[in-house]
PDB file of N, CA and C in Angstrom:
ATOM      1  N   MET A   1      -5.253   3.329  33.963  1.00  0.00           N
ATOM      2  CA  MET A   1      -4.713   2.609  33.066  1.00  0.00           C
ATOM      3  C   MET A   1      -5.802   1.880  32.391  1.00  0.00           C
ATOM      4  N   GLU A   2      -5.967   1.395  31.402  1.00  0.00           N
ATOM      5  CA  GLU A   2      -6.766   0.618  30.490  1.00  0.00           C
ATOM      6  C   GLU A   2      -6.084  -0.557  30.422  1.00  0.00           C
ATOM      7  N   SER A   3      -6.913  -1.635  30.795  1.00  0.00           N
ATOM      8  CA  SER A   3      -6.889  -3.090  30.418  1.00  0.00           C
ATOM      9  C   SER A   3      -6.440  -3.390  29.174  1.00  0.00           C
ATOM     10  N   GLU A   4      -5.155  -4.375  29.059  1.00  0.00           N
ATOM     11  CA  GLU A   4      -4.990  -4.686  27.593  1.00  0.00           C
ATOM     12  C   GLU A   4      -5.552  -5.940  27.448  1.00  0.00           C
ATOM     13  N   HIS A   5      -6.886  -7.051  28.001  1.00  0.00           N
ATOM     14  CA  HIS A   5      -7.350  -7.742  27.813  1.00  0.00           C
ATOM     15  C   HIS A   5      -8.865  -7.221  28.023  1.00  0.00           C
ATOM     16  N   ILE A   6      -9.580  -7.838  27.241  1.00  0.00           N
ATOM     17  CA  ILE A   6     -11.091  -7.553  27.512  1.00  0.00           C
ATOM     18  C   ILE A   6     -12.098  -8.976  27.266  1.00  0.00           C
ATOM     19  N   LEU A   7     -13.247  -8.777  27.957  1.00  0.00           N
ATOM     20  CA  LEU A   7     -14.148  -9.884  27.660  1.00  0.00           C
ATOM     21  C   LEU A   7     -15.386  -9.284  26.903  1.00  0.00           C
ATOM     22  N   VAL A   8     -16.301  -9.866  25.973  1.00  0.00           N
ATOM     23  CA  VAL A   8     -16.796  -9.113  24.751  1.00  0.00           C
ATOM     24  C   VAL A   8     -18.227  -9.739  25.000  1.00  0.00           C
ATOM     25  N   LEU A   9     -19.074  -9.416  25.366  1.00  0.00           N
ATOM     26  CA  LEU A   9     -20.345 -10.336  25.322  1.00  0.00           C
ATOM     27  C   LEU A   9     -21.581 -10.251  24.201  1.00  0.00           C
ATOM     28  N   CYS A  10     -21.698 -11.018  23.990  1.00  0.00           N
ATOM     29  CA  CYS A  10     -22.661 -10.893  22.685  1.00  0.00           C
ATOM     30  C   CYS A  10     -24.074 -12.051  22.867  1.00  0.00           C
ATOM     31  N   THR A  11     -24.830 -11.701  22.295  1.00  0.00           N
ATOM     32  CA  THR A  11     -26.134 -12.705  22.679  1.00  0.00           C
ATOM     33  C   THR A  11     -26.762 -13.332  21.093  1.00  0.00           C
ATOM     34  N   TYR A  12     -27.066 -14.467  21.126  1.00  0.00           N
ATOM     35  CA  TYR A  12     -27.750 -14.722  19.942  1.00  0.00           C
ATOM     36  C   TYR A  12     -28.873 -15.527  20.043  1.00  0.00           C
ATOM     37  N   PRO A  13     -29.636 -15.868  19.087  1.00  0.00           N
ATOM     38  CA  PRO A  13     -31.219 -16.572  19.511  1.00  0.00           C
ATOM     39  C   PRO A  13     -31.389 -18.147  19.519  1.00  0.00           C
ATOM     40  N   ASP A  14     -29.686 -18.704  19.074  1.00  0.00           N
ATOM     41  CA  ASP A  14     -30.138 -19.929  19.380  1.00  0.00           C
ATOM     42  C   ASP A  14     -28.615 -20.771  19.665  1.00  0.00           C
ATOM     43  N   ARG A  15     -28.414 -21.627  20.082  1.00  0.00           N
ATOM     44  CA  ARG A  15     -26.997 -22.521  19.894  1.00  0.00           C
ATOM     45  C   ARG A  15     -26.059 -22.602  19.102  1.00  0.00           C
ATOM     46  N   GLU A  16     -26.813 -23.254  17.734  1.00  0.00           N
ATOM     47  CA  GLU A  16     -26.218 -22.941  16.298  1.00  0.00           C
ATOM     48  C   GLU A  16     -25.332 -21.986  15.673  1.00  0.00           C
ATOM     49  N   THR A  17     -26.438 -20.828  15.907  1.00  0.00           N
ATOM     50  CA  THR A  17     -25.962 -19.345  15.242  1.00  0.00           C
ATOM     51  C   THR A  17     -24.865 -19.240  15.943  1.00  0.00           C
ATOM     52  N   ALA A  18     -25.173 -19.154  17.547  1.00  0.00           N
ATOM     53  CA  ALA A  18     -23.928 -18.944  18.263  1.00  0.00           C
ATOM     54  C   ALA A  18     -22.443 -19.617  17.819  1.00  0.00           C
ATOM     55  N   LYS A  19     -22.570 -21.154  17.706  1.00  0.00           N
ATOM     56  CA  LYS A  19     -21.384 -21.719  17.360  1.00  0.00           C
ATOM     57  C   LYS A  19     -20.731 -21.140  16.277  1.00  0.00           C
ATOM     58  N   VAL A  20     -21.513 -20.961  15.230  1.00  0.00           N
ATOM     59  CA  VAL A  20     -21.062 -20.901  14.067  1.00  0.00           C
ATOM     60  C   VAL A  20     -20.263 -19.567  14.054  1.00  0.00           C
ATOM     61  N   ALA A  21     -21.282 -18.500  14.703  1.00  0.00           N
ATOM     62  CA  ALA A  21     -20.214 -17.429  15.141  1.00  0.00           C
ATOM     63  C   ALA A  21     -18.893 -17.432  15.832  1.00  0.00           C
ATOM     64  N   ALA A  22     -18.893 -17.983  16.745  1.00  0.00           N
ATOM     65  CA  ALA A  22     -17.938 -18.493  17.911  1.00  0.00           C
ATOM     66  C   ALA A  22     -16.313 -18.830  17.059  1.00  0.00           C
ATOM     67  N   ARG A  23     -17.062 -20.077  16.292  1.00  0.00           N
ATOM     68  CA  ARG A  23     -15.904 -20.834  15.216  1.00  0.00           C
ATOM     69  C   ARG A  23     -15.131 -19.786  14.015  1.00  0.00           C
ATOM     70  N   ARG A  24     -16.154 -19.032  13.341  1.00  0.00           N
ATOM     71  CA  ARG A  24     -15.604 -17.926  12.603  1.00  0.00           C
ATOM     72  C   ARG A  24     -14.855 -16.732  13.033  1.00  0.00           C
ATOM     73  N   LEU A  25     -15.002 -16.352  14.780  1.00  0.00           N
ATOM     74  CA  LEU A  25     -13.906 -15.648  14.900  1.00  0.00           C
ATOM     75  C   LEU A  25     -13.032 -16.280  15.808  1.00  0.00           C
ATOM     76  N   LEU A  26     -12.928 -17.298  15.985  1.00  0.00           N
ATOM     77  CA  LEU A  26     -11.789 -18.109  16.590  1.00  0.00           C
ATOM     78  C   LEU A  26     -10.455 -18.651  15.508  1.00  0.00           C
ATOM     79  N   ASP A  27     -11.669 -18.803  13.963  1.00  0.00           N
ATOM     80  CA  ASP A  27     -10.718 -19.075  13.013  1.00  0.00           C
ATOM     81  C   ASP A  27     -10.105 -17.845  11.725  1.00  0.00           C
ATOM     82  N   ALA A  28     -10.494 -16.583  12.728  1.00  0.00           N
ATOM     83  CA  ALA A  28     -10.167 -15.395  12.249  1.00  0.00           C
ATOM     84  C   ALA A  28      -9.063 -14.981  12.979  1.00  0.00           C
ATOM     85  N   ARG A  29      -8.944 -15.546  14.042  1.00  0.00           N
ATOM     86  CA  ARG A  29      -7.632 -15.225  15.301  1.00  0.00           C
ATOM     87  C   ARG A  29      -8.415 -14.036  15.966  1.00  0.00           C
ATOM     88  N   LEU A  30      -9.400 -13.469  16.178  1.00  0.00           N
ATOM     89  CA  LEU A  30      -9.801 -12.445  16.422  1.00  0.00           C
ATOM     90  C   LEU A  30      -9.777 -12.469  18.059  1.00  0.00           C
ATOM     91  N   CYS A  31      -9.827 -13.983  18.482  1.00  0.00           N
ATOM     92  CA  CYS A  31     -10.273 -14.065  19.963  1.00  0.00           C
ATOM     93  C   CYS A  31      -9.518 -15.509  20.094  1.00  0.00           C
ATOM     94  N   ALA A  32      -9.203 -15.593  21.685  1.00  0.00           N
ATOM     95  CA  ALA A  32      -8.482 -17.081  22.173  1.00  0.00           C
ATOM     96  C   ALA A  32      -9.555 -17.680  22.518  1.00  0.00           C
ATOM     97  N   CYS A  33     -10.449 -17.713  23.127  1.00  0.00           N
ATOM     98  CA  CYS A  33     -11.604 -18.606  23.522  1.00  0.00           C
ATOM     99  C   CYS A  33     -12.867 -17.881  23.810  1.00  0.00           C
ATOM    100  N   ILE A  34     -14.122 -18.620  23.574  1.00  0.00           N
ATOM    101  CA  ILE A  34     -15.466 -18.531  23.831  1.00  0.00           C
ATOM    102  C   ILE A  34     -16.185 -19.458  24.433  1.00  0.00           C
ATOM    103  N   ASN A  35     -16.496 -18.911  25.491  1.00  0.00           N
ATOM    104  CA  ASN A  35     -17.770 -19.763  26.270  1.00  0.00           C
ATOM    105  C   ASN A  35     -19.196 -19.601  25.970  1.00  0.00           C
ATOM    106  N   LEU A  36     -19.933 -20.346  25.410  1.00  0.00           N
ATOM    107  CA  LEU A  36     -21.373 -20.027  25.210  1.00  0.00           C
ATOM    108  C   LEU A  36     -22.173 -20.348  26.511  1.00  0.00           C
ATOM    109  N   THR A  37     -23.066 -19.594  26.858  1.00  0.00           N
ATOM    110  CA  THR A  37     -23.889 -19.940  28.139  1.00  0.00           C
ATOM    111  C   THR A  37     -25.541 -20.235  27.338  1.00  0.00           C
ATOM    112  N   GLY A  38     -26.070 -20.840  28.127  1.00  0.00           N
ATOM    113  CA  GLY A  38     -27.620 -20.867  27.796  1.00  0.00           C
ATOM    114  C   GLY A  38     -27.992 -21.802  27.202  1.00  0.00           C
ATOM    115  N   PRO A  39     -29.312 -21.895  26.906  1.00  0.00           N
ATOM    116  CA  PRO A  39     -29.879 -20.696  26.850  1.00  0.00           C
ATOM    117  C   PRO A  39     -30.210 -20.250  27.780  1.00  0.00           C
ATOM    118  N   PHE A  40     -30.986 -18.937  27.840  1.00  0.00           N
ATOM    119  CA  PHE A  40     -31.359 -18.268  29.138  1.00  0.00           C
ATOM    120  C   PHE A  40     -32.874 -17.689  28.669  1.00  0.00           C
ATOM    121  N   THR A  41     -33.201 -16.774  29.824  1.00  0.00           N
ATOM    122  CA  THR A  41     -34.774 -16.061  28.903  1.00  0.00           C
ATOM    123  C   THR A  41     -34.250 -14.670  29.287  1.00  0.00           C
ATOM    124  N   SER A  42     -34.241 -13.889  28.126  1.00  0.00           N
ATOM    125  CA  SER A  42     -33.890 -12.357  28.230  1.00  0.00           C
ATOM    126  C   SER A  42     -35.453 -11.347  27.937  1.00  0.00           C
ATOM    127  N   LEU A  43     -35.761 -10.440  28.545  1.00  0.00           N
ATOM    128  CA  LEU A  43     -36.732  -9.495  28.889  1.00  0.00           C
ATOM    129  C   LEU A  43     -35.891  -8.290  28.843  1.00  0.00           C
ATOM    130  N   TYR A  44     -36.613  -7.390  27.570  1.00  0.00           N
ATOM    131  CA  TYR A  44     -36.061  -6.354  27.136  1.00  0.00           C
ATOM    132  C   TYR A  44     -37.107  -5.602  26.564  1.00  0.00           C
ATOM    133  N   ARG A  45     -36.655  -4.312  26.482  1.00  0.00           N
ATOM    134  CA  ARG A  45     -37.683  -3.614  25.547  1.00  0.00           C
ATOM    135  C   ARG A  45     -36.990  -2.855  24.200  1.00  0.00           C
ATOM    136  N   TRP A  46     -37.721  -3.273  23.119  1.00  0.00           N
ATOM    137  CA  TRP A  46     -37.658  -3.295  21.443  1.00  0.00           C
ATOM    138  C   TRP A  46     -38.100  -2.453  20.738  1.00  0.00           C
ATOM    139  N   LYS A  47     -38.133  -1.454  20.535  1.00  0.00           N
ATOM    140  CA  LYS A  47     -39.250  -0.539  19.499  1.00  0.00           C
ATOM    141  C   LYS A  47     -40.795  -0.421  20.146  1.00  0.00           C
ATOM    142  N   GLY A  48     -40.367   0.367  21.722  1.00  0.00           N
ATOM    143  CA  GLY A  48     -41.556   0.352  22.271  1.00  0.00           C
ATOM    144  C   GLY A  48     -42.519  -0.802  22.956  1.00  0.00           C
ATOM    145  N   GLU A  49     -41.945  -2.259  22.517  1.00  0.00           N
ATOM    146  CA  GLU A  49     -42.623  -3.128  23.041  1.00  0.00           C
ATOM    147  C   GLU A  49     -41.703  -4.138  24.242  1.00  0.00           C
ATOM    148  N   LEU A  50     -42.054  -4.517  25.227  1.00  0.00           N
ATOM    149  CA  LEU A  50     -41.808  -5.517  26.087  1.00  0.00           C
ATOM    150  C   LEU A  50     -41.725  -7.170  25.312  1.00  0.00           C
ATOM    151  N   ARG A  51     -40.535  -7.384  25.480  1.00  0.00           N
ATOM    152  CA  ARG A  51     -40.548  -8.724  24.651  1.00  0.00           C
ATOM    153  C   ARG A  51     -39.570  -9.789  25.632  1.00  0.00           C
ATOM    154  N   GLU A  52     -39.519 -10.928  25.138  1.00  0.00           N
ATOM    155  CA  GLU A  52     -39.061 -11.923  25.640  1.00  0.00           C
ATOM    156  C   GLU A  52     -38.445 -12.836  25.015  1.00  0.00           C
ATOM    157  N   ASP A  53     -37.468 -13.015  25.069  1.00  0.00           N
ATOM    158  CA  ASP A  53     -36.705 -14.562  23.979  1.00  0.00           C
ATOM    159  C   ASP A  53     -35.773 -15.296  24.751  1.00  0.00           C
ATOM    160  N   ASP A  54     -35.668 -16.274  24.256  1.00  0.00           N
ATOM    161  CA  ASP A  54     -34.784 -17.419  24.758  1.00  0.00           C
ATOM    162  C   ASP A  54     -33.200 -17.232  23.769  1.00  0.00           C
ATOM    163  N   GLU A  55     -32.085 -17.015  24.571  1.00  0.00           N
ATOM    164  CA  GLU A  55     -31.105 -16.205  23.759  1.00  0.00           C
ATOM    165  C   GLU A  55     -29.636 -17.468  24.349  1.00  0.00           C
ATOM    166  N   VAL A  56     -28.825 -17.017  23.376  1.00  0.00           N
ATOM    167  CA  VAL A  56     -27.702 -17.696  23.711  1.00  0.00           C
ATOM    168  C   VAL A  56     -26.495 -16.661  24.082  1.00  0.00           C
ATOM    169  N   GLN A  57     -25.635 -16.625  24.994  1.00  0.00           N
ATOM    170  CA  GLN A  57     -24.528 -15.516  24.779  1.00  0.00           C
ATOM    171  C   GLN A  57     -23.382 -16.369  25.126  1.00  0.00           C
ATOM    172  N   LEU A  58     -22.569 -15.490  24.302  1.00  0.00           N
ATOM    173  CA  LEU A  58     -20.924 -15.887  23.644  1.00  0.00           C
ATOM    174  C   LEU A  58     -20.106 -14.936  24.985  1.00  0.00           C
ATOM    175  N   THR A  59     -19.376 -15.262  25.838  1.00  0.00           N
ATOM    176  CA  THR A  59     -18.329 -14.726  26.325  1.00  0.00           C
ATOM    177  C   THR A  59     -17.113 -14.772  25.640  1.00  0.00           C
ATOM    178  N   ILE A  60     -16.333 -13.637  25.405  1.00  0.00           N
ATOM    179  CA  ILE A  60     -15.583 -13.815  24.437  1.00  0.00           C
ATOM    180  C   ILE A  60     -14.425 -13.147  25.106  1.00  0.00           C
ATOM    181  N   LYS A  61     -12.787 -14.007  24.595  1.00  0.00           N
ATOM    182  CA  LYS A  61     -11.601 -13.473  25.828  1.00  0.00           C
ATOM    183  C   LYS A  61     -10.568 -12.906  24.457  1.00  0.00           C
ATOM    184  N   THR A  62     -10.372 -11.850  24.551  1.00  0.00           N
ATOM    185  CA  THR A  62      -9.536 -11.545  23.543  1.00  0.00           C
ATOM    186  C   THR A  62      -8.216 -10.291  23.822  1.00  0.00           C
ATOM    187  N   ARG A  63      -8.090  -9.542  23.144  1.00  0.00           N
ATOM    188  CA  ARG A  63      -6.931  -8.334  23.454  1.00  0.00           C
ATOM    189  C   ARG A  63      -8.231  -7.472  23.331  1.00  0.00           C
ATOM    190  N   ALA A  64      -7.406  -6.304  24.125  1.00  0.00           N
ATOM    191  CA  ALA A  64      -8.527  -4.955  23.813  1.00  0.00           C
ATOM    192  C   ALA A  64      -7.870  -4.237  22.551  1.00  0.00           C
ATOM    193  N   ASP A  65      -6.864  -4.753  21.826  1.00  0.00           N
ATOM    194  CA  ASP A  65      -6.338  -4.108  20.542  1.00  0.00           C
ATOM    195  C   ASP A  65      -7.151  -4.647  19.443  1.00  0.00           C
ATOM    196  N   ARG A  66      -7.696  -5.695  19.259  1.00  0.00           N
ATOM    197  CA  ARG A  66      -8.386  -6.306  18.503  1.00  0.00           C
ATOM    198  C   ARG A  66      -9.909  -6.284  18.579  1.00  0.00           C
ATOM    199  N   ARG A  67     -10.135  -5.169  19.904  1.00  0.00           N
ATOM    200  CA  ARG A  67     -11.465  -4.850  20.094  1.00  0.00           C
ATOM    201  C   ARG A  67     -12.881  -4.232  18.772  1.00  0.00           C
ATOM    202  N   ASP A  68     -12.022  -3.264  17.996  1.00  0.00           N
ATOM    203  CA  ASP A  68     -12.788  -2.731  16.805  1.00  0.00           C
ATOM    204  C   ASP A  68     -12.885  -3.821  15.403  1.00  0.00           C
ATOM    205  N   ALA A  69     -12.278  -4.515  15.460  1.00  0.00           N
ATOM    206  CA  ALA A  69     -12.484  -5.635  14.402  1.00  0.00           C
ATOM    207  C   ALA A  69     -13.010  -6.836  14.725  1.00  0.00           C
ATOM    208  N   LEU A  70     -12.908  -7.444  16.011  1.00  0.00           N
ATOM    209  CA  LEU A  70     -14.257  -8.189  16.873  1.00  0.00           C
ATOM    210  C   LEU A  70     -15.316  -7.661  16.557  1.00  0.00           C
ATOM    211  N   ALA A  71     -15.972  -6.435  16.409  1.00  0.00           N
ATOM    212  CA  ALA A  71     -17.094  -6.074  17.036  1.00  0.00           C
ATOM    213  C   ALA A  71     -17.659  -5.809  15.341  1.00  0.00           C
ATOM    214  N   HIS A  72     -16.506  -5.262  14.398  1.00  0.00           N
ATOM    215  CA  HIS A  72     -16.845  -5.138  12.863  1.00  0.00           C
ATOM    216  C   HIS A  72     -17.331  -6.550  12.569  1.00  0.00           C
ATOM    217  N   ALA A  73     -16.430  -7.685  13.000  1.00  0.00           N
ATOM    218  CA  ALA A  73     -16.737  -9.135  12.535  1.00  0.00           C
ATOM    219  C   ALA A  73     -18.235  -9.817  13.270  1.00  0.00           C
ATOM    220  N   LEU A  74     -18.342  -9.105  14.337  1.00  0.00           N
ATOM    221  CA  LEU A  74     -19.785  -9.896  15.169  1.00  0.00           C
ATOM    222  C   LEU A  74     -20.790  -8.842  13.924  1.00  0.00           C
ATOM    223  N   ARG A  75     -20.898  -7.818  14.138  1.00  0.00           N
ATOM    224  CA  ARG A  75     -22.038  -7.063  13.280  1.00  0.00           C
ATOM    225  C   ARG A  75     -22.047  -7.245  11.489  1.00  0.00           C
ATOM    226  N   GLU A  76     -21.534  -8.115  10.925  1.00  0.00           N
ATOM    227  CA  GLU A  76     -20.914  -8.341   9.878  1.00  0.00           C
ATOM    228  C   GLU A  76     -22.009  -9.253   9.206  1.00  0.00           C
ATOM    229  N   ALA A  77     -21.843 -10.566  10.104  1.00  0.00           N
ATOM    230  CA  ALA A  77     -22.628 -11.472   9.924  1.00  0.00           C
ATOM    231  C   ALA A  77     -23.727 -11.826  11.471  1.00  0.00           C
ATOM    232  N   HIS A  78     -23.999 -10.874  12.221  1.00  0.00           N
ATOM    233  CA  HIS A  78     -24.926 -11.225  13.323  1.00  0.00           C
ATOM    234  C   HIS A  78     -26.446 -11.243  12.655  1.00  0.00           C
ATOM    235  N   PRO A  79     -27.340 -12.264  13.261  1.00  0.00           N
ATOM    236  CA  PRO A  79     -28.883 -12.076  12.481  1.00  0.00           C
ATOM    237  C   PRO A  79     -29.731 -11.118  13.157  1.00  0.00           C
ATOM    238  N   TYR A  80     -29.571 -10.313  14.495  1.00  0.00           N
ATOM    239  CA  TYR A  80     -30.126  -9.350  15.302  1.00  0.00           C
ATOM    240  C   TYR A  80     -29.549  -7.913  14.716  1.00  0.00           C
ATOM    241  N   GLU A  81     -30.568  -6.795  14.363  1.00  0.00           N
ATOM    242  CA  GLU A  81     -30.633  -5.506  13.437  1.00  0.00           C
ATOM    243  C   GLU A  81     -29.773  -4.611  14.611  1.00  0.00           C
ATOM    244  N   LEU A  82     -29.832  -5.140  15.854  1.00  0.00           N
ATOM    245  CA  LEU A  82     -28.677  -4.437  17.257  1.00  0.00           C
ATOM    246  C   LEU A  82     -28.309  -5.360  17.856  1.00  0.00           C
ATOM    247  N   PRO A  83     -27.029  -5.930  17.570  1.00  0.00           N
ATOM    248  CA  PRO A  83     -26.667  -6.998  18.395  1.00  0.00           C
ATOM    249  C   PRO A  83     -25.887  -6.039  19.769  1.00  0.00           C
ATOM    250  N   GLU A  84     -26.117  -7.065  20.778  1.00  0.00           N
ATOM    251  CA  GLU A  84     -25.486  -6.812  21.970  1.00  0.00           C
ATOM    252  C   GLU A  84     -23.986  -7.225  21.761  1.00  0.00           C
ATOM    253  N   ILE A  85     -22.822  -5.951  21.902  1.00  0.00           N
ATOM    254  CA  ILE A  85     -21.393  -5.917  22.419  1.00  0.00           C
ATOM    255  C   ILE A  85     -21.195  -4.715  23.411  1.00  0.00           C
ATOM    256  N   LEU A  86     -21.122  -5.809  24.052  1.00  0.00           N
ATOM    257  CA  LEU A  86     -20.427  -5.634  25.505  1.00  0.00           C
ATOM    258  C   LEU A  86     -18.921  -5.543  25.909  1.00  0.00           C
ATOM    259  N   VAL A  87     -18.333  -4.455  26.175  1.00  0.00           N
ATOM    260  CA  VAL A  87     -16.690  -4.801  26.289  1.00  0.00           C
ATOM    261  C   VAL A  87     -16.474  -4.199  27.448  1.00  0.00           C
ATOM    262  N   LEU A  88     -15.840  -5.781  28.365  1.00  0.00           N
ATOM    263  CA  LEU A  88     -15.475  -5.235  29.951  1.00  0.00           C
ATOM    264  C   LEU A  88     -14.209  -5.293  30.192  1.00  0.00           C
ATOM    265  N   PRO A  89     -13.365  -4.246  30.352  1.00  0.00           N
ATOM    266  CA  PRO A  89     -12.009  -4.862  30.623  1.00  0.00           C
ATOM    267  C   PRO A  89     -11.600  -5.888  31.676  1.00  0.00           C
ATOM    268  N   VAL A  90     -10.633  -6.777  31.558  1.00  0.00           N
ATOM    269  CA  VAL A  90     -10.074  -7.529  32.906  1.00  0.00           C
ATOM    270  C   VAL A  90      -8.706  -7.929  33.000  1.00  0.00           C
ATOM    271  N   SER A  91      -8.636  -8.273  34.143  1.00  0.00           N
ATOM    272  CA  SER A  91      -6.977  -8.762  34.319  1.00  0.00           C
ATOM    273  C   SER A  91      -7.127 -10.186  34.986  1.00  0.00           C
ATOM    274  N   GLY A  92      -6.046 -10.787  35.031  1.00  0.00           N
ATOM    275  CA  GLY A  92      -5.702 -12.239  35.576  1.00  0.00           C
ATOM    276  C   GLY A  92      -4.707 -12.813  35.657  1.00  0.00           C
ATOM    277  N   SER A  93      -4.284 -14.099  35.726  1.00  0.00           N
ATOM    278  CA  SER A  93      -3.396 -14.921  35.905  1.00  0.00           C
ATOM    279  C   SER A  93      -1.732 -14.044  34.654  1.00  0.00           C
ATOM    280  N   GLU A  94      -1.224 -14.029  35.078  1.00  0.00           N
ATOM    281  CA  GLU A  94       0.103 -13.143  33.540  1.00  0.00           C
ATOM    282  C   GLU A  94       0.314 -14.618  32.437  1.00  0.00           C
ATOM    283  N   GLU A  95       0.151 -15.789  33.210  1.00  0.00           N
ATOM    284  CA  GLU A  95       0.304 -17.155  32.125  1.00  0.00           C
ATOM    285  C   GLU A  95      -1.295 -16.919  31.461  1.00  0.00           C
ATOM    286  N   TYR A  96      -1.992 -16.903  31.755  1.00  0.00           N
ATOM    287  CA  TYR A  96      -3.467 -16.994  31.139  1.00  0.00           C
ATOM    288  C   TYR A  96      -3.818 -15.820  29.897  1.00  0.00           C
ATOM    289  N   LEU A  97      -3.228 -14.868  30.817  1.00  0.00           N
ATOM    290  CA  LEU A  97      -3.391 -13.130  29.801  1.00  0.00           C
ATOM    291  C   LEU A  97      -2.501 -13.657  28.611  1.00  0.00           C
ATOM    292  N   GLN A  98      -0.954 -14.004  28.619  1.00  0.00           N
ATOM    293  CA  GLN A  98      -0.259 -14.792  27.708  1.00  0.00           C
ATOM    294  C   GLN A  98      -0.480 -15.543  26.574  1.00  0.00           C
ATOM    295  N   TRP A  99      -1.486 -16.424  27.465  1.00  0.00           N
ATOM    296  CA  TRP A  99      -2.127 -17.394  26.441  1.00  0.00           C
ATOM    297  C   TRP A  99      -2.786 -16.733  25.489  1.00  0.00           C
ATOM    298  N   ILE A 100      -3.808 -16.161  26.025  1.00  0.00           N
ATOM    299  CA  ILE A 100      -4.605 -14.879  25.182  1.00  0.00           C
ATOM    300  C   ILE A 100      -4.026 -14.612  24.044  1.00  0.00           C
ATOM    301  N   ASP A 101      -2.574 -13.612  24.293  1.00  0.00           N
ATOM    302  CA  ASP A 101      -2.109 -13.157  23.423  1.00  0.00           C
ATOM    303  C   ASP A 101      -1.376 -14.236  22.556  1.00  0.00           C
ATOM    304  N   SER A 102      -1.077 -15.078  22.611  1.00  0.00           N
ATOM    305  CA  SER A 102      -0.641 -15.946  21.755  1.00  0.00           C
ATOM    306  C   SER A 102      -1.283 -16.508  20.889  1.00  0.00           C
ATOM    307  N   CYS A 103      -2.793 -16.736  21.169  1.00  0.00           N
ATOM    308  CA  CYS A 103      -3.867 -17.105  19.978  1.00  0.00           C
ATOM    309  C   CYS A 103      -4.364 -15.952  19.069  1.00  0.00           C
ATOM    310  N   VAL A 104      -4.270 -14.638  19.631  1.00  0.00           N
ATOM    311  CA  VAL A 104      -4.847 -13.541  18.899  1.00  0.00           C
ATOM    312  C   VAL A 104      -4.068 -12.989  18.291  1.00  0.00           C
ATOM    313  N   GLU A 105      -3.961 -12.509  17.179  1.00  0.00           N
ATOM    314  CA  GLU A 105      -2.935 -12.370  16.125  1.00  0.00           C
ATOM    315  C   GLU A 105      -3.424 -10.681  15.759  1.00  0.00           C
TER     316      GLU A 105
END
């Protein structure tokens, strides 16, 4: 059985850029809540090189049926060529999940 609610993880190069993106997603009612974590250091391989950058991560709480629209909005204005968009199914208290539903159109 697929979860009706998801967490979406997406990294940004700095806190201000992440805040702008978070507000845009919330204003569009694509999600109920976004937590900003970091900065932290990411080590990764990109185009054959080992890279190390400071990043901020958004943890986005929404419904599964908003996944495609949310991913499109993230890609549309993201500063990275290939943004991280990871989707995790979640479960939780019925009251909290209902709150998510009430915030998302």
